[in-house]
Amino acid sequence: MRQLLIDELSREERANIESYLKRTLPPGSVEGIFWLAVPPDLLARPQQGHEECGPFCFAVELGEDFLRLELLIRSQTNLHCTCIAHATPAQREFVCNFADALLNEEMIRA
């Protein structure tokens, strides 16, 4: 799986990240999973024309000592469709900017 991983988080850093995620992203149905929506202007060809499969999101997983951001665009309504695809360069930049903003705001040093 292609992903951005921030690991070796202290308990305090994890708590700060959890607070940030709860304030900014909707939770998934599994504990520790959050959904980062892909802005409509960043939808790539595989997602365009698949409005019925939206919204499209990146999975963000907070573990005991790590934060993982998947570089896969997922559909919130369909598990098996051609619109599910690896992130484009612009979408990867969006995820990295989100991670940078989170780390900067919460002063994470990991």
PDB file of N, CA and C in Angstrom:
ATOM      1  N   MET A   1       0.850  -1.185   0.000  1.00  0.00           N
ATOM      2  CA  MET A   1       0.000   0.000   0.000  1.00  0.00           C
ATOM      3  C   MET A   1       0.888   1.238   0.000  1.00  0.00           C
ATOM      4  N   ARG A   2       0.590   2.168  -0.833  1.00  0.00           N
ATOM      5  CA  ARG A   2       1.296   3.448  -0.829  1.00  0.00           C
ATOM      6  C   ARG A   2       0.706   4.294   0.290  1.00  0.00           C
ATOM      7  N   GLN A   3       1.591   4.843   1.101  1.00  0.00           N
ATOM      8  CA  GLN A   3       1.115   5.592   2.261  1.00  0.00           C
ATOM      9  C   GLN A   3       2.179   6.550   2.768  1.00  0.00           C
ATOM     10  N   LEU A   4       1.717   7.514   3.527  1.00  0.00           N
ATOM     11  CA  LEU A   4       2.594   8.425   4.241  1.00  0.00           C
ATOM     12  C   LEU A   4       2.508   7.998   5.697  1.00  0.00           C
ATOM     13  N   LEU A   5       3.648   7.692   6.312  1.00  0.00           N
ATOM     14  CA  LEU A   5       3.671   7.188   7.678  1.00  0.00           C
ATOM     15  C   LEU A   5       4.490   8.106   8.571  1.00  0.00           C
ATOM     16  N   ILE A   6       3.892   8.491   9.677  1.00  0.00           N
ATOM     17  CA  ILE A   6       4.589   9.245  10.725  1.00  0.00           C
ATOM     18  C   ILE A   6       4.546   8.339  11.948  1.00  0.00           C
ATOM     19  N   ASP A   7       5.719   7.902  12.395  1.00  0.00           N
ATOM     20  CA  ASP A   7       5.725   6.938  13.491  1.00  0.00           C
ATOM     21  C   ASP A   7       6.547   7.435  14.670  1.00  0.00           C
ATOM     22  N   GLU A   8       6.656   6.585  15.659  1.00  0.00           N
ATOM     23  CA  GLU A   8       7.366   6.880  16.901  1.00  0.00           C
ATOM     24  C   GLU A   8       6.759   8.079  17.625  1.00  0.00           C
ATOM     25  N   LEU A   9       5.430   8.152  17.610  1.00  0.00           N
ATOM     26  CA  LEU A   9       4.724   9.228  18.312  1.00  0.00           C
ATOM     27  C   LEU A   9       4.737   8.965  19.812  1.00  0.00           C
ATOM     28  N   SER A  10       4.935  10.016  20.578  1.00  0.00           N
ATOM     29  CA  SER A  10       4.797   9.895  22.033  1.00  0.00           C
ATOM     30  C   SER A  10       3.304   9.877  22.368  1.00  0.00           C
ATOM     31  N   ARG A  11       2.976   9.553  23.598  1.00  0.00           N
ATOM     32  CA  ARG A  11       1.560   9.549  24.020  1.00  0.00           C
ATOM     33  C   ARG A  11       0.950  10.936  23.885  1.00  0.00           C
ATOM     34  N   GLU A  12       1.714  11.946  24.251  1.00  0.00           N
ATOM     35  CA  GLU A  12       1.222  13.324  24.159  1.00  0.00           C
ATOM     36  C   GLU A  12       0.993  13.723  22.699  1.00  0.00           C
ATOM     37  N   GLU A  13       1.922  13.362  21.819  1.00  0.00           N
ATOM     38  CA  GLU A  13       1.768  13.677  20.405  1.00  0.00           C
ATOM     39  C   GLU A  13       0.548  12.970  19.827  1.00  0.00           C
ATOM     40  N   ARG A  14       0.384  11.707  20.199  1.00  0.00           N
ATOM     41  CA  ARG A  14      -0.777  10.949  19.720  1.00  0.00           C
ATOM     42  C   ARG A  14      -2.074  11.606  20.172  1.00  0.00           C
ATOM     43  N   ALA A  15      -2.133  12.007  21.434  1.00  0.00           N
ATOM     44  CA  ALA A  15      -3.331  12.660  21.966  1.00  0.00           C
ATOM     45  C   ALA A  15      -3.615  13.962  21.220  1.00  0.00           C
ATOM     46  N   ASN A  16      -2.576  14.726  20.921  1.00  0.00           N
ATOM     47  CA  ASN A  16      -2.750  15.974  20.177  1.00  0.00           C
ATOM     48  C   ASN A  16      -3.261  15.702  18.762  1.00  0.00           C
ATOM     49  N   ILE A  17      -2.718  14.689  18.116  1.00  0.00           N
ATOM     50  CA  ILE A  17      -3.160  14.337  16.766  1.00  0.00           C
ATOM     51  C   ILE A  17      -4.607  13.858  16.798  1.00  0.00           C
ATOM     52  N   GLU A  18      -4.945  13.047  17.773  1.00  0.00           N
ATOM     53  CA  GLU A  18      -6.317  12.559  17.883  1.00  0.00           C
ATOM     54  C   GLU A  18      -7.295  13.719  18.044  1.00  0.00           C
ATOM     55  N   SER A  19      -6.949  14.675  18.874  1.00  0.00           N
ATOM     56  CA  SER A  19      -7.796  15.848  19.069  1.00  0.00           C
ATOM     57  C   SER A  19      -7.962  16.607  17.753  1.00  0.00           C
ATOM     58  N   TYR A  20      -6.870  16.799  17.041  1.00  0.00           N
ATOM     59  CA  TYR A  20      -6.911  17.508  15.754  1.00  0.00           C
ATOM     60  C   TYR A  20      -7.811  16.769  14.765  1.00  0.00           C
ATOM     61  N   LEU A  21      -7.630  15.458  14.662  1.00  0.00           N
ATOM     62  CA  LEU A  21      -8.426  14.678  13.713  1.00  0.00           C
ATOM     63  C   LEU A  21      -9.908  14.724  14.067  1.00  0.00           C
ATOM     64  N   LYS A  22     -10.227  14.632  15.338  1.00  0.00           N
ATOM     65  CA  LYS A  22     -11.633  14.678  15.766  1.00  0.00           C
ATOM     66  C   LYS A  22     -12.263  16.037  15.477  1.00  0.00           C
ATOM     67  N   ARG A  23     -11.445  17.092  15.497  1.00  0.00           N
ATOM     68  CA  ARG A  23     -11.954  18.439  15.207  1.00  0.00           C
ATOM     69  C   ARG A  23     -12.107  18.697  13.715  1.00  0.00           C
ATOM     70  N   THR A  24     -11.328  18.000  12.881  1.00  0.00           N
ATOM     71  CA  THR A  24     -11.266  18.375  11.468  1.00  0.00           C
ATOM     72  C   THR A  24     -11.800  17.340  10.480  1.00  0.00           C
ATOM     73  N   LEU A  25     -11.866  16.075  10.867  1.00  0.00           N
ATOM     74  CA  LEU A  25     -12.270  15.032   9.923  1.00  0.00           C
ATOM     75  C   LEU A  25     -13.400  14.182  10.482  1.00  0.00           C
ATOM     76  N   PRO A  26     -14.272  13.688   9.606  1.00  0.00           N
ATOM     77  CA  PRO A  26     -15.295  12.751  10.080  1.00  0.00           C
ATOM     78  C   PRO A  26     -14.664  11.394  10.392  1.00  0.00           C
ATOM     79  N   PRO A  27     -15.145  10.741  11.443  1.00  0.00           N
ATOM     80  CA  PRO A  27     -14.598   9.426  11.792  1.00  0.00           C
ATOM     81  C   PRO A  27     -15.148   8.337  10.871  1.00  0.00           C
ATOM     82  N   GLY A  28     -14.363   7.276  10.745  1.00  0.00           N
ATOM     83  CA  GLY A  28     -14.827   6.095  10.034  1.00  0.00           C
ATOM     84  C   GLY A  28     -15.579   5.193  10.995  1.00  0.00           C
ATOM     85  N   SER A  29     -16.044   4.070  10.497  1.00  0.00           N
ATOM     86  CA  SER A  29     -16.784   3.138  11.342  1.00  0.00           C
ATOM     87  C   SER A  29     -15.859   2.272  12.195  1.00  0.00           C
ATOM     88  N   VAL A  30     -14.555   2.293  11.905  1.00  0.00           N
ATOM     89  CA  VAL A  30     -13.556   1.557  12.673  1.00  0.00           C
ATOM     90  C   VAL A  30     -12.785   2.561  13.524  1.00  0.00           C
ATOM     91  N   GLU A  31     -12.575   2.221  14.775  1.00  0.00           N
ATOM     92  CA  GLU A  31     -11.852   3.126  15.670  1.00  0.00           C
ATOM     93  C   GLU A  31     -10.461   3.437  15.117  1.00  0.00           C
ATOM     94  N   GLY A  32     -10.117   4.718  15.161  1.00  0.00           N
ATOM     95  CA  GLY A  32      -8.804   5.144  14.687  1.00  0.00           C
ATOM     96  C   GLY A  32      -8.771   5.533  13.221  1.00  0.00           C
ATOM     97  N   ILE A  33      -9.873   5.348  12.497  1.00  0.00           N
ATOM     98  CA  ILE A  33      -9.944   5.698  11.078  1.00  0.00           C
ATOM     99  C   ILE A  33     -10.728   6.996  10.924  1.00  0.00           C
ATOM    100  N   PHE A  34     -10.197   7.878  10.091  1.00  0.00           N
ATOM    101  CA  PHE A  34     -10.846   9.140   9.756  1.00  0.00           C
ATOM    102  C   PHE A  34     -10.803   9.281   8.241  1.00  0.00           C
ATOM    103  N   TRP A  35     -11.678  10.143   7.699  1.00  0.00           N
ATOM    104  CA  TRP A  35     -11.770  10.317   6.257  1.00  0.00           C
ATOM    105  C   TRP A  35     -11.433  11.749   5.858  1.00  0.00           C
ATOM    106  N   LEU A  36     -10.442  11.890   5.003  1.00  0.00           N
ATOM    107  CA  LEU A  36     -10.046  13.178   4.450  1.00  0.00           C
ATOM    108  C   LEU A  36     -10.628  13.268   3.040  1.00  0.00           C
ATOM    109  N   ALA A  37     -11.613  14.145   2.869  1.00  0.00           N
ATOM    110  CA  ALA A  37     -12.302  14.268   1.582  1.00  0.00           C
ATOM    111  C   ALA A  37     -11.387  14.894   0.528  1.00  0.00           C
ATOM    112  N   VAL A  38     -11.484  14.369  -0.669  1.00  0.00           N
ATOM    113  CA  VAL A  38     -10.754  14.924  -1.802  1.00  0.00           C
ATOM    114  C   VAL A  38     -11.582  16.093  -2.349  1.00  0.00           C
ATOM    115  N   PRO A  39     -11.004  17.283  -2.437  1.00  0.00           N
ATOM    116  CA  PRO A  39     -11.751  18.414  -2.994  1.00  0.00           C
ATOM    117  C   PRO A  39     -12.191  18.106  -4.432  1.00  0.00           C
ATOM    118  N   PRO A  40     -13.393  18.555  -4.800  1.00  0.00           N
ATOM    119  CA  PRO A  40     -13.894  18.266  -6.162  1.00  0.00           C
ATOM    120  C   PRO A  40     -12.942  18.689  -7.276  1.00  0.00           C
ATOM    121  N   ASP A  41     -12.219  19.790  -7.091  1.00  0.00           N
ATOM    122  CA  ASP A  41     -11.317  20.247  -8.148  1.00  0.00           C
ATOM    123  C   ASP A  41     -10.072  19.376  -8.279  1.00  0.00           C
ATOM    124  N   LEU A  42      -9.864  18.445  -7.343  1.00  0.00           N
ATOM    125  CA  LEU A  42      -8.713  17.534  -7.419  1.00  0.00           C
ATOM    126  C   LEU A  42      -9.098  16.122  -7.876  1.00  0.00           C
ATOM    127  N   LEU A  43     -10.376  15.917  -8.178  1.00  0.00           N
ATOM    128  CA  LEU A  43     -10.771  14.585  -8.638  1.00  0.00           C
ATOM    129  C   LEU A  43     -10.087  14.288  -9.968  1.00  0.00           C
ATOM    130  N   ALA A  44      -9.550  13.089 -10.059  1.00  0.00           N
ATOM    131  CA  ALA A  44      -8.840  12.660 -11.269  1.00  0.00           C
ATOM    132  C   ALA A  44      -9.820  11.973 -12.215  1.00  0.00           C
ATOM    133  N   ARG A  45      -9.328  11.658 -13.379  1.00  0.00           N
ATOM    134  CA  ARG A  45     -10.173  11.021 -14.400  1.00  0.00           C
ATOM    135  C   ARG A  45     -10.935   9.809 -13.867  1.00  0.00           C
ATOM    136  N   PRO A  46     -10.315   8.914 -13.078  1.00  0.00           N
ATOM    137  CA  PRO A  46     -11.086   7.754 -12.596  1.00  0.00           C
ATOM    138  C   PRO A  46     -12.304   8.133 -11.740  1.00  0.00           C
ATOM    139  N   GLN A  47     -12.248   9.261 -11.026  1.00  0.00           N
ATOM    140  CA  GLN A  47     -13.359   9.656 -10.167  1.00  0.00           C
ATOM    141  C   GLN A  47     -14.395  10.514 -10.900  1.00  0.00           C
ATOM    142  N   GLN A  48     -13.984  11.192 -11.946  1.00  0.00           N
ATOM    143  CA  GLN A  48     -14.905  12.058 -12.687  1.00  0.00           C
ATOM    144  C   GLN A  48     -15.960  11.207 -13.381  1.00  0.00           C
ATOM    145  N   GLY A  49     -17.203  11.625 -13.262  1.00  0.00           N
ATOM    146  CA  GLY A  49     -18.304  10.862 -13.845  1.00  0.00           C
ATOM    147  C   GLY A  49     -18.786   9.728 -12.964  1.00  0.00           C
ATOM    148  N   HIS A  50     -18.256   9.617 -11.765  1.00  0.00           N
ATOM    149  CA  HIS A  50     -18.668   8.568 -10.820  1.00  0.00           C
ATOM    150  C   HIS A  50     -19.300   9.211  -9.591  1.00  0.00           C
ATOM    151  N   GLU A  51     -20.156  10.199  -9.785  1.00  0.00           N
ATOM    152  CA  GLU A  51     -20.769  10.905  -8.662  1.00  0.00           C
ATOM    153  C   GLU A  51     -21.472   9.942  -7.706  1.00  0.00           C
ATOM    154  N   GLU A  52     -22.045   8.867  -8.250  1.00  0.00           N
ATOM    155  CA  GLU A  52     -22.751   7.899  -7.405  1.00  0.00           C
ATOM    156  C   GLU A  52     -21.810   7.158  -6.465  1.00  0.00           C
ATOM    157  N   CYS A  53     -20.521   7.165  -6.734  1.00  0.00           N
ATOM    158  CA  CYS A  53     -19.534   6.505  -5.874  1.00  0.00           C
ATOM    159  C   CYS A  53     -18.972   7.437  -4.800  1.00  0.00           C
ATOM    160  N   GLY A  54     -19.223   8.723  -4.938  1.00  0.00           N
ATOM    161  CA  GLY A  54     -18.668   9.689  -3.985  1.00  0.00           C
ATOM    162  C   GLY A  54     -19.379   9.659  -2.653  1.00  0.00           C
ATOM    163  N   PRO A  55     -18.857  10.341  -1.669  1.00  0.00           N
ATOM    164  CA  PRO A  55     -17.669  11.183  -1.761  1.00  0.00           C
ATOM    165  C   PRO A  55     -16.393  10.344  -1.815  1.00  0.00           C
ATOM    166  N   PHE A  56     -15.354  10.959  -2.358  1.00  0.00           N
ATOM    167  CA  PHE A  56     -14.063  10.304  -2.474  1.00  0.00           C
ATOM    168  C   PHE A  56     -13.155  10.817  -1.364  1.00  0.00           C
ATOM    169  N   CYS A  57     -12.428   9.888  -0.730  1.00  0.00           N
ATOM    170  CA  CYS A  57     -11.647  10.245   0.455  1.00  0.00           C
ATOM    171  C   CYS A  57     -10.333   9.476   0.505  1.00  0.00           C
ATOM    172  N   PHE A  58      -9.443  10.024   1.320  1.00  0.00           N
ATOM    173  CA  PHE A  58      -8.231   9.321   1.743  1.00  0.00           C
ATOM    174  C   PHE A  58      -8.508   8.767   3.137  1.00  0.00           C
ATOM    175  N   ALA A  59      -8.050   7.564   3.413  1.00  0.00           N
ATOM    176  CA  ALA A  59      -8.144   7.015   4.760  1.00  0.00           C
ATOM    177  C   ALA A  59      -6.970   7.527   5.588  1.00  0.00           C
ATOM    178  N   VAL A  60      -7.287   7.967   6.800  1.00  0.00           N
ATOM    179  CA  VAL A  60      -6.283   8.431   7.756  1.00  0.00           C
ATOM    180  C   VAL A  60      -6.424   7.533   8.974  1.00  0.00           C
ATOM    181  N   GLU A  61      -5.350   6.839   9.331  1.00  0.00           N
ATOM    182  CA  GLU A  61      -5.390   5.907  10.455  1.00  0.00           C
ATOM    183  C   GLU A  61      -4.459   6.383  11.568  1.00  0.00           C
ATOM    184  N   LEU A  62      -5.027   6.473  12.760  1.00  0.00           N
ATOM    185  CA  LEU A  62      -4.237   6.812  13.938  1.00  0.00           C
ATOM    186  C   LEU A  62      -4.098   5.562  14.791  1.00  0.00           C
ATOM    187  N   GLY A  63      -2.851   5.089  14.910  1.00  0.00           N
ATOM    188  CA  GLY A  63      -2.568   3.933  15.744  1.00  0.00           C
ATOM    189  C   GLY A  63      -2.009   4.372  17.083  1.00  0.00           C
ATOM    190  N   GLU A  64      -1.527   3.418  17.840  1.00  0.00           N
ATOM    191  CA  GLU A  64      -1.012   3.726  19.177  1.00  0.00           C
ATOM    192  C   GLU A  64       0.184   4.667  19.139  1.00  0.00           C
ATOM    193  N   ASP A  65       1.054   4.488  18.143  1.00  0.00           N
ATOM    194  CA  ASP A  65       2.232   5.367  18.052  1.00  0.00           C
ATOM    195  C   ASP A  65       2.547   5.785  16.618  1.00  0.00           C
ATOM    196  N   PHE A  66       1.518   5.800  15.752  1.00  0.00           N
ATOM    197  CA  PHE A  66       1.731   6.189  14.361  1.00  0.00           C
ATOM    198  C   PHE A  66       0.500   6.877  13.777  1.00  0.00           C
ATOM    199  N   LEU A  67       0.757   7.622  12.718  1.00  0.00           N
ATOM    200  CA  LEU A  67      -0.286   8.219  11.900  1.00  0.00           C
ATOM    201  C   LEU A  67      -0.004   7.777  10.469  1.00  0.00           C
ATOM    202  N   ARG A  68      -0.996   7.182   9.827  1.00  0.00           N
ATOM    203  CA  ARG A  68      -0.835   6.671   8.468  1.00  0.00           C
ATOM    204  C   ARG A  68      -1.867   7.338   7.569  1.00  0.00           C
ATOM    205  N   LEU A  69      -1.409   7.901   6.471  1.00  0.00           N
ATOM    206  CA  LEU A  69      -2.293   8.509   5.487  1.00  0.00           C
ATOM    207  C   LEU A  69      -2.137   7.724   4.191  1.00  0.00           C
ATOM    208  N   GLU A  70      -3.192   7.046   3.774  1.00  0.00           N
ATOM    209  CA  GLU A  70      -3.126   6.248   2.558  1.00  0.00           C
ATOM    210  C   GLU A  70      -3.079   7.153   1.339  1.00  0.00           C
ATOM    211  N   LEU A  71      -2.360   6.731   0.340  1.00  0.00           N
ATOM    212  CA  LEU A  71      -2.277   7.461  -0.923  1.00  0.00           C
ATOM    213  C   LEU A  71      -3.136   6.758  -1.972  1.00  0.00           C
ATOM    214  N   LEU A  72      -4.342   6.404  -1.536  1.00  0.00           N
ATOM    215  CA  LEU A  72      -5.323   5.740  -2.378  1.00  0.00           C
ATOM    216  C   LEU A  72      -6.629   6.502  -2.233  1.00  0.00           C
ATOM    217  N   ILE A  73      -7.242   6.841  -3.347  1.00  0.00           N
ATOM    218  CA  ILE A  73      -8.544   7.498  -3.322  1.00  0.00           C
ATOM    219  C   ILE A  73      -9.590   6.403  -3.196  1.00  0.00           C
ATOM    220  N   ARG A  74     -10.384   6.492  -2.130  1.00  0.00           N
ATOM    221  CA  ARG A  74     -11.425   5.500  -1.872  1.00  0.00           C
ATOM    222  C   ARG A  74     -12.808   6.103  -2.095  1.00  0.00           C
ATOM    223  N   SER A  75     -13.721   5.249  -2.486  1.00  0.00           N
ATOM    224  CA  SER A  75     -15.126   5.619  -2.592  1.00  0.00           C
ATOM    225  C   SER A  75     -15.794   5.323  -1.253  1.00  0.00           C
ATOM    226  N   GLN A  76     -16.667   6.190  -0.809  1.00  0.00           N
ATOM    227  CA  GLN A  76     -17.381   5.958   0.451  1.00  0.00           C
ATOM    228  C   GLN A  76     -18.594   5.053   0.270  1.00  0.00           C
ATOM    229  N   THR A  77     -18.959   4.739  -0.978  1.00  0.00           N
ATOM    230  CA  THR A  77     -20.164   3.938  -1.216  1.00  0.00           C
ATOM    231  C   THR A  77     -19.920   2.659  -1.994  1.00  0.00           C
ATOM    232  N   ASN A  78     -18.753   2.510  -2.613  1.00  0.00           N
ATOM    233  CA  ASN A  78     -18.504   1.373  -3.477  1.00  0.00           C
ATOM    234  C   ASN A  78     -17.089   0.850  -3.232  1.00  0.00           C
ATOM    235  N   LEU A  79     -16.975  -0.407  -2.840  1.00  0.00           N
ATOM    236  CA  LEU A  79     -15.658  -0.982  -2.558  1.00  0.00           C
ATOM    237  C   LEU A  79     -14.928  -1.460  -3.802  1.00  0.00           C
ATOM    238  N   HIS A  80     -15.664  -1.738  -4.873  1.00  0.00           N
ATOM    239  CA  HIS A  80     -15.055  -2.307  -6.074  1.00  0.00           C
ATOM    240  C   HIS A  80     -15.527  -1.532  -7.300  1.00  0.00           C
ATOM    241  N   CYS A  81     -14.734  -0.556  -7.696  1.00  0.00           N
ATOM    242  CA  CYS A  81     -15.065   0.250  -8.867  1.00  0.00           C
ATOM    243  C   CYS A  81     -13.769   0.786  -9.459  1.00  0.00           C
ATOM    244  N   THR A  82     -13.806   1.105 -10.719  1.00  0.00           N
ATOM    245  CA  THR A  82     -12.618   1.638 -11.383  1.00  0.00           C
ATOM    246  C   THR A  82     -12.257   3.035 -10.905  1.00  0.00           C
ATOM    247  N   CYS A  83     -13.143   3.688 -10.158  1.00  0.00           N
ATOM    248  CA  CYS A  83     -12.843   5.039  -9.662  1.00  0.00           C
ATOM    249  C   CYS A  83     -11.906   5.017  -8.460  1.00  0.00           C
ATOM    250  N   ILE A  84     -11.708   3.868  -7.851  1.00  0.00           N
ATOM    251  CA  ILE A  84     -10.761   3.734  -6.746  1.00  0.00           C
ATOM    252  C   ILE A  84      -9.373   3.614  -7.371  1.00  0.00           C
ATOM    253  N   ALA A  85      -8.503   4.567  -7.028  1.00  0.00           N
ATOM    254  CA  ALA A  85      -7.209   4.632  -7.718  1.00  0.00           C
ATOM    255  C   ALA A  85      -6.153   5.269  -6.818  1.00  0.00           C
ATOM    256  N   HIS A  86      -4.898   5.013  -7.157  1.00  0.00           N
ATOM    257  CA  HIS A  86      -3.799   5.677  -6.445  1.00  0.00           C
ATOM    258  C   HIS A  86      -3.867   7.174  -6.693  1.00  0.00           C
ATOM    259  N   ALA A  87      -3.402   7.935  -5.730  1.00  0.00           N
ATOM    260  CA  ALA A  87      -3.445   9.389  -5.804  1.00  0.00           C
ATOM    261  C   ALA A  87      -2.564   9.912  -6.938  1.00  0.00           C
ATOM    262  N   THR A  88      -3.047  10.953  -7.564  1.00  0.00           N
ATOM    263  CA  THR A  88      -2.265  11.661  -8.582  1.00  0.00           C
ATOM    264  C   THR A  88      -1.244  12.545  -7.859  1.00  0.00           C
ATOM    265  N   PRO A  89      -0.294  13.114  -8.572  1.00  0.00           N
ATOM    266  CA  PRO A  89       0.652  14.029  -7.919  1.00  0.00           C
ATOM    267  C   PRO A  89      -0.051  15.180  -7.181  1.00  0.00           C
ATOM    268  N   ALA A  90      -1.085  15.759  -7.760  1.00  0.00           N
ATOM    269  CA  ALA A  90      -1.797  16.862  -7.096  1.00  0.00           C
ATOM    270  C   ALA A  90      -2.522  16.368  -5.839  1.00  0.00           C
ATOM    271  N   GLN A  91      -3.083  15.179  -5.895  1.00  0.00           N
ATOM    272  CA  GLN A  91      -3.760  14.611  -4.728  1.00  0.00           C
ATOM    273  C   GLN A  91      -2.753  14.262  -3.629  1.00  0.00           C
ATOM    274  N   ARG A  92      -1.592  13.747  -4.014  1.00  0.00           N
ATOM    275  CA  ARG A  92      -0.544  13.471  -3.018  1.00  0.00           C
ATOM    276  C   ARG A  92      -0.094  14.763  -2.349  1.00  0.00           C
ATOM    277  N   GLU A  93       0.040  15.824  -3.130  1.00  0.00           N
ATOM    278  CA  GLU A  93       0.420  17.108  -2.556  1.00  0.00           C
ATOM    279  C   GLU A  93      -0.631  17.582  -1.555  1.00  0.00           C
ATOM    280  N   PHE A  94      -1.899  17.380  -1.865  1.00  0.00           N
ATOM    281  CA  PHE A  94      -2.993  17.740  -0.960  1.00  0.00           C
ATOM    282  C   PHE A  94      -2.860  16.998   0.376  1.00  0.00           C
ATOM    283  N   VAL A  95      -2.597  15.690   0.317  1.00  0.00           N
ATOM    284  CA  VAL A  95      -2.440  14.887   1.541  1.00  0.00           C
ATOM    285  C   VAL A  95      -1.213  15.353   2.326  1.00  0.00           C
ATOM    286  N   CYS A  96      -0.121  15.582   1.641  1.00  0.00           N
ATOM    287  CA  CYS A  96       1.100  16.042   2.327  1.00  0.00           C
ATOM    288  C   CYS A  96       0.883  17.407   2.978  1.00  0.00           C
ATOM    289  N   ASN A  97       0.167  18.292   2.310  1.00  0.00           N
ATOM    290  CA  ASN A  97      -0.135  19.595   2.906  1.00  0.00           C
ATOM    291  C   ASN A  97      -1.011  19.446   4.144  1.00  0.00           C
ATOM    292  N   PHE A  98      -1.971  18.522   4.106  1.00  0.00           N
ATOM    293  CA  PHE A  98      -2.795  18.255   5.284  1.00  0.00           C
ATOM    294  C   PHE A  98      -1.919  17.759   6.436  1.00  0.00           C
ATOM    295  N   ALA A  99      -1.037  16.811   6.141  1.00  0.00           N
ATOM    296  CA  ALA A  99      -0.151  16.265   7.181  1.00  0.00           C
ATOM    297  C   ALA A  99       0.764  17.351   7.735  1.00  0.00           C
ATOM    298  N   ASP A 100       1.324  18.176   6.870  1.00  0.00           N
ATOM    299  CA  ASP A 100       2.193  19.272   7.329  1.00  0.00           C
ATOM    300  C   ASP A 100       1.437  20.236   8.233  1.00  0.00           C
ATOM    301  N   ALA A 101       0.204  20.588   7.851  1.00  0.00           N
ATOM    302  CA  ALA A 101      -0.594  21.510   8.666  1.00  0.00           C
ATOM    303  C   ALA A 101      -0.888  20.890  10.034  1.00  0.00           C
ATOM    304  N   LEU A 102      -1.244  19.623  10.064  1.00  0.00           N
ATOM    305  CA  LEU A 102      -1.509  18.917  11.320  1.00  0.00           C
ATOM    306  C   LEU A 102      -0.264  18.924  12.202  1.00  0.00           C
ATOM    307  N   LEU A 103       0.863  18.538  11.644  1.00  0.00           N
ATOM    308  CA  LEU A 103       2.092  18.447  12.430  1.00  0.00           C
ATOM    309  C   LEU A 103       2.539  19.818  12.940  1.00  0.00           C
ATOM    310  N   ASN A 104       2.403  20.831  12.106  1.00  0.00           N
ATOM    311  CA  ASN A 104       2.785  22.176  12.518  1.00  0.00           C
ATOM    312  C   ASN A 104       1.855  22.712  13.597  1.00  0.00           C
ATOM    313  N   GLU A 105       0.552  22.582  13.389  1.00  0.00           N
ATOM    314  CA  GLU A 105      -0.408  23.116  14.361  1.00  0.00           C
ATOM    315  C   GLU A 105      -0.284  22.434  15.724  1.00  0.00           C
ATOM    316  N   GLU A 106      -0.049  21.137  15.704  1.00  0.00           N
ATOM    317  CA  GLU A 106       0.035  20.373  16.957  1.00  0.00           C
ATOM    318  C   GLU A 106       1.469  20.262  17.478  1.00  0.00           C
ATOM    319  N   MET A 107       2.417  20.904  16.782  1.00  0.00           N
ATOM    320  CA  MET A 107       3.828  20.925  17.179  1.00  0.00           C
ATOM    321  C   MET A 107       4.390  19.524  17.409  1.00  0.00           C
ATOM    322  N   ILE A 108       4.144  18.649  16.431  1.00  0.00           N
ATOM    323  CA  ILE A 108       4.603  17.260  16.500  1.00  0.00           C
ATOM    324  C   ILE A 108       6.028  17.201  15.977  1.00  0.00           C
ATOM    325  N   ARG A 109       6.913  16.585  16.718  1.00  0.00           N
ATOM    326  CA  ARG A 109       8.332  16.492  16.350  1.00  0.00           C
ATOM    327  C   ARG A 109       8.722  15.118  15.843  1.00  0.00           C
ATOM    328  N   ALA A 110       7.840  14.124  15.932  1.00  0.00           N
ATOM    329  CA  ALA A 110       8.157  12.748  15.522  1.00  0.00           C
ATOM    330  C   ALA A 110       8.561  12.683  14.075  1.00  0.00           C
TER     331      ALA A 110
END
